[in-house]
Amino acid sequence: MTTPNTYRISGSYYEACNCEAICPCRRQGSAPGGRSTYDDCDFVLSWRILDGQFGDTDISDLLVSIAGTYNNDVGDDIWSIHIYIDERASEEQFAALEQIFRGDAGGNFAVASRFSTILGVKPAAIRVDHTPGAESVEIASTASANVVRKFEHDGTVSCGIPGHDHPGQESVSNLAVEDAPLSFSYSERCGFATDFAYWN
């Protein structure tokens, strides 16, 4: 029997933000990332959990997305976010995913330490396509992101959210969010796709 509150999840990941590709926050080879292109970073993140367990609760084959914003001058560890959890999740699955993605379950989901303002955690109709080179995510009529084209680059590119041990593919992507107080829309900015694995 799995110890309660012990979790492990793995699957595919896609994000888009309003920076220009390659997003300057990313690590390129061994060179660390820096400030966002425009200081304000608006973003949409998505996870497809292919294999997952939280205590005795199976959380495989579920989707999670986050929309948010931060400003480098205020602090890149001060994020305001909405968390969207797959509406197909049972009550137990929803509670498990909420604990993980709020950061309450600990582990190596390190980006949660930046979530200073959680605007809401809600069930949503999430549609995700993580087909390499054609990634997209849609959260009901609230938020969306999609790859326009791959961004060709030399060497490895990685992002701290899925982890720098998971290098991936940069893209030119569109994104939009309309969920108060977040309201933004961008064309042909940056995106990134890879796999992920989190556990505690």
Foldseek 3Di string as FASTA:
>chain_A
DFDALWKKWKFKKKKDKFAAPPFQCKAFAPRHGDAGRVQKIWMKIKGQTQFMDHRPDTLHRWMKMKTWIDGVVVNQLAIEIEIETALVDDPVNLVSVVCVQCCVSPWLQPSNSSHNHHPYYYYFHKDWDQDPQWTKIDTHPFKIKTFPGWDDDPGWIDHPRLHRVWTWTKGQMWMFGDDPPDGDTDGRHIMTMTMHMITD
